[in-house]
Amino acid sequence: MFNKENLKYVLIWPISALLAIFFRFYGLFNPESLLINNYLVLLLVLGPALVVTIILVFNKILKV
């Protein structure tokens, strides 16, 4: 389904999820160092990955 050229796009979502989890735990254990809400971190990290995923899905659908 995915060739090596599109593998970098497929890896964006899991990497973003791992970053979101890291920032969530970091904010949980060090609340004074992060002044922003944990949900804002999730939105900032997962938002771009979701947009890229939607673009890739639409490209696959429209090429068929």
C-alpha atoms as a PDB file:
ATOM      1  CA  MET A   1       0.000   0.000   0.000  1.00  0.00           C
ATOM      2  CA  PHE A   2       2.808   2.409   0.849  1.00  0.00           C
ATOM      3  CA  ASN A   3       6.021   2.710  -1.081  1.00  0.00           C
ATOM      4  CA  LYS A   4       9.290   4.031   0.344  1.00  0.00           C
ATOM      5  CA  GLU A   5       8.679   7.548  -0.950  1.00  0.00           C
ATOM      6  CA  ASN A   6       5.473   7.926   1.090  1.00  0.00           C
ATOM      7  CA  LEU A   7       6.910   6.286   4.212  1.00  0.00           C
ATOM      8  CA  LYS A   8       8.013   9.650   5.615  1.00  0.00           C
ATOM      9  CA  TYR A   9       4.410  10.864   5.450  1.00  0.00           C
ATOM     10  CA  VAL A  10       3.125   7.732   7.158  1.00  0.00           C
ATOM     11  CA  LEU A  11       5.603   8.198  10.025  1.00  0.00           C
ATOM     12  CA  ILE A  12       4.461  11.766  10.768  1.00  0.00           C
ATOM     13  CA  TRP A  13       1.386  10.684  12.719  1.00  0.00           C
ATOM     14  CA  PRO A  14       3.069   8.214  15.126  1.00  0.00           C
ATOM     15  CA  ILE A  15       5.949  10.611  15.771  1.00  0.00           C
ATOM     16  CA  SER A  16       3.490  13.401  16.505  1.00  0.00           C
ATOM     17  CA  ALA A  17       1.561  11.138  18.862  1.00  0.00           C
ATOM     18  CA  LEU A  18       4.738  10.219  20.727  1.00  0.00           C
ATOM     19  CA  LEU A  19       5.680  13.895  21.038  1.00  0.00           C
ATOM     20  CA  ALA A  20       2.231  14.702  22.377  1.00  0.00           C
ATOM     21  CA  ILE A  21       2.474  11.936  24.971  1.00  0.00           C
ATOM     22  CA  PHE A  22       5.944  13.121  25.991  1.00  0.00           C
ATOM     23  CA  PHE A  23       4.803  16.725  26.443  1.00  0.00           C
ATOM     24  CA  ARG A  24       1.739  15.547  28.350  1.00  0.00           C
ATOM     25  CA  PHE A  25       3.814  13.592  30.875  1.00  0.00           C
ATOM     26  CA  TYR A  26       6.430  16.331  31.054  1.00  0.00           C
ATOM     27  CA  GLY A  27       3.715  18.867  31.846  1.00  0.00           C
ATOM     28  CA  LEU A  28       2.217  16.504  34.409  1.00  0.00           C
ATOM     29  CA  PHE A  29       5.454  16.118  36.344  1.00  0.00           C
ATOM     30  CA  ASN A  30       6.716  19.703  35.857  1.00  0.00           C
ATOM     31  CA  PRO A  31       3.620  21.928  35.860  1.00  0.00           C
ATOM     32  CA  GLU A  32       5.542  25.124  36.559  1.00  0.00           C
ATOM     33  CA  SER A  33       7.746  24.822  33.459  1.00  0.00           C
ATOM     34  CA  LEU A  34       4.863  24.597  30.956  1.00  0.00           C
ATOM     35  CA  LEU A  35       2.553  27.575  31.006  1.00  0.00           C
ATOM     36  CA  ILE A  36       0.220  26.227  28.338  1.00  0.00           C
ATOM     37  CA  ASN A  37      -2.591  23.717  28.687  1.00  0.00           C
ATOM     38  CA  ASN A  38      -1.971  20.039  27.922  1.00  0.00           C
ATOM     39  CA  TYR A  39      -4.847  20.023  25.438  1.00  0.00           C
ATOM     40  CA  LEU A  40      -3.205  22.883  23.561  1.00  0.00           C
ATOM     41  CA  VAL A  41      -0.037  20.805  23.269  1.00  0.00           C
ATOM     42  CA  LEU A  42      -2.069  17.909  21.891  1.00  0.00           C
ATOM     43  CA  LEU A  43      -3.713  20.230  19.381  1.00  0.00           C
ATOM     44  CA  LEU A  44      -0.407  21.764  18.276  1.00  0.00           C
ATOM     45  CA  VAL A  45       1.286  18.401  17.851  1.00  0.00           C
ATOM     46  CA  LEU A  46      -1.534  16.305  16.418  1.00  0.00           C
ATOM     47  CA  GLY A  47      -3.140  19.032  14.308  1.00  0.00           C
ATOM     48  CA  PRO A  48      -0.518  19.178  11.533  1.00  0.00           C
ATOM     49  CA  ALA A  49      -0.267  15.379  11.440  1.00  0.00           C
ATOM     50  CA  LEU A  50      -4.031  15.132  11.051  1.00  0.00           C
ATOM     51  CA  VAL A  51      -3.988  17.632   8.184  1.00  0.00           C
ATOM     52  CA  VAL A  52      -1.217  15.699   6.408  1.00  0.00           C
ATOM     53  CA  THR A  53      -3.128  12.448   6.920  1.00  0.00           C
ATOM     54  CA  ILE A  54      -6.294  13.953   5.437  1.00  0.00           C
ATOM     55  CA  ILE A  55      -4.340  15.274   2.442  1.00  0.00           C
ATOM     56  CA  LEU A  56      -2.743  11.871   1.833  1.00  0.00           C
ATOM     57  CA  VAL A  57      -6.090  10.082   2.059  1.00  0.00           C
ATOM     58  CA  PHE A  58      -7.702  12.506  -0.395  1.00  0.00           C
ATOM     59  CA  ASN A  59      -4.780  12.108  -2.794  1.00  0.00           C
ATOM     60  CA  LYS A  60      -5.173   8.333  -2.684  1.00  0.00           C
ATOM     61  CA  ILE A  61      -8.937   8.536  -3.197  1.00  0.00           C
ATOM     62  CA  LEU A  62      -8.737  11.004  -6.083  1.00  0.00           C
ATOM     63  CA  LYS A  63      -6.029   9.035  -7.943  1.00  0.00           C
ATOM     64  CA  VAL A  64      -8.203   5.914  -8.155  1.00  0.00           C
END
